[in-house]
């Protein structure tokens, strides 16, 4: 195990501010696979790759929203789903997308 494996993730650090206690367990269990499929399909769209989830009725609306946003605002993908490490602060994270917008700004999308 490397030292970086011990770093906290951004999700772990921010997780204490997200109270899931009022969300029914069944809703959370259904949301997790749907979120994974939607993220996978959006990543594939951004990278111009095939997604086996693109026509899944559970995520079509999410993917259509992502496509509309992406097509209107994104000029260039810089990275997608890359793990980053901050050694001085000892944390790690994997943002969804780094891109250059049509406006010329470079942004991180998560």
Protein backbone atom coordinates (compact mmCIF):
# COMPACT_ATOMS: atom_id res chain seq x y z
CA UNK A 1 0.00 0.00 0.00
CA UNK A 2 1.44 3.35 -0.99
CA UNK A 3 1.14 6.48 1.14
CA UNK A 4 -1.32 7.89 -1.40
CA UNK A 5 -3.72 5.00 -0.70
CA UNK A 6 -4.12 6.46 2.80
CA UNK A 7 -5.10 9.93 1.55
CA UNK A 8 -8.66 11.04 2.17
CA UNK A 9 -10.80 11.61 -0.89
CA UNK A 10 -12.63 14.86 -1.46
CA UNK A 11 -15.87 12.84 -1.23
CA UNK A 12 -14.88 11.52 2.20
CA UNK A 13 -14.03 14.99 3.48
CA UNK A 14 -17.23 16.59 2.16
CA UNK A 15 -19.40 13.56 2.99
CA UNK A 16 -19.90 14.68 6.57
CA UNK A 17 -21.89 17.64 5.24
CA UNK A 18 -24.34 15.44 3.32
CA UNK A 19 -27.01 13.92 5.54
CA UNK A 20 -28.56 10.86 3.87
CA UNK A 21 -30.57 9.87 6.93
CA UNK A 22 -33.86 11.23 5.54
CA UNK A 23 -33.51 9.52 2.18
CA UNK A 24 -35.24 6.13 2.13
CA UNK A 25 -32.78 3.24 1.85
CA UNK A 26 -34.58 1.86 -1.23
CA UNK A 27 -34.19 5.21 -3.01
CA UNK A 28 -30.44 5.27 -2.29
CA UNK A 29 -30.04 1.68 -3.46
CA UNK A 30 -31.78 2.51 -6.74
CA UNK A 31 -29.91 5.79 -7.22
CA UNK A 32 -26.39 4.35 -6.99
CA UNK A 33 -26.50 2.10 -10.09
CA UNK A 34 -28.43 4.75 -12.02
CA UNK A 35 -25.77 7.34 -11.14
CA UNK A 36 -22.97 4.99 -12.19
CA UNK A 37 -24.64 4.32 -15.54
CA UNK A 38 -25.34 8.01 -16.14
CA UNK A 39 -21.73 8.98 -15.32
CA UNK A 40 -20.39 6.23 -17.56
CA UNK A 41 -22.61 7.25 -20.48
CA UNK A 42 -21.75 10.95 -20.06
CA UNK A 43 -18.03 10.15 -19.94
CA UNK A 44 -18.33 8.08 -23.11
CA UNK A 45 -20.21 10.90 -24.84
CA UNK A 46 -17.55 13.44 -23.83
CA UNK A 47 -14.79 11.14 -25.08
CA UNK A 48 -16.68 10.25 -28.29
CA UNK A 49 -16.81 6.60 -27.29
CA UNK A 50 -19.55 3.97 -27.37
CA UNK A 51 -21.65 3.53 -24.21
CA UNK A 52 -23.72 0.43 -23.60
CA UNK A 53 -25.88 2.54 -21.26
CA UNK A 54 -26.76 5.33 -23.72
CA UNK A 55 -30.27 3.98 -24.43
CA UNK A 56 -31.06 2.79 -20.91
CA UNK A 57 -34.49 4.25 -20.08
CA UNK A 58 -33.40 4.90 -16.48
CA UNK A 59 -30.77 7.41 -17.57
CA UNK A 60 -31.89 8.75 -20.96
CA UNK A 61 -33.12 12.02 -19.44
CA UNK A 62 -29.89 12.57 -17.52
CA UNK A 63 -27.80 11.82 -20.59
CA UNK A 64 -29.89 14.10 -22.82
CA UNK A 65 -29.38 16.94 -20.31
CA UNK A 66 -25.63 16.30 -20.25
CA UNK A 67 -25.44 16.21 -24.06
CA UNK A 68 -27.34 19.50 -24.33
CA UNK A 69 -25.02 21.18 -21.79
CA UNK A 70 -21.89 19.66 -23.35
CA UNK A 71 -22.83 20.63 -26.90
CA UNK A 72 -23.69 24.19 -25.92
CA UNK A 73 -20.73 24.98 -23.67
CA UNK A 74 -17.75 22.63 -24.14
CA UNK A 75 -15.09 23.33 -26.73
CA UNK A 76 -12.39 20.81 -25.72
CA UNK A 77 -12.10 17.98 -23.22
CA UNK A 78 -8.84 18.25 -21.27
CA UNK A 79 -9.31 15.16 -19.08
CA UNK A 80 -12.08 12.85 -17.91
CA UNK A 81 -12.21 10.74 -14.74
CA UNK A 82 -8.52 11.19 -13.90
CA UNK A 83 -7.37 10.62 -10.29
CA UNK A 84 -5.42 13.58 -8.89
CA UNK A 85 -3.31 13.67 -5.73
CA UNK A 86 -2.33 16.62 -3.55
CA UNK A 87 0.71 15.39 -1.67
CA UNK A 88 1.24 18.44 0.61
CA UNK A 89 -2.40 18.31 1.79
CA UNK A 90 -2.64 14.50 1.55
CA UNK A 91 -5.94 14.23 -0.29
CA UNK A 92 -7.08 12.76 -3.58
CA UNK A 93 -9.97 13.20 -5.95
CA UNK A 94 -11.32 12.15 -9.33
CA UNK A 95 -13.37 14.92 -10.93
CA UNK A 96 -15.70 13.96 -13.74
CA UNK A 97 -14.36 16.30 -16.39
CA UNK A 98 -11.82 19.02 -17.07
CA UNK A 99 -12.65 21.05 -20.14
CA UNK A 100 -12.23 24.31 -21.99
CA UNK A 101 -15.51 26.08 -22.51
CA UNK A 102 -16.51 27.95 -25.63
CA UNK A 103 -16.07 31.13 -23.57
CA UNK A 104 -12.35 30.29 -23.26
CA UNK A 105 -12.47 29.41 -19.55
CA UNK A 106 -10.96 26.13 -18.35
CA UNK A 107 -13.12 24.44 -15.71
CA UNK A 108 -13.39 21.30 -13.63
CA UNK A 109 -16.82 19.64 -13.63
CA UNK A 110 -17.78 17.23 -10.87
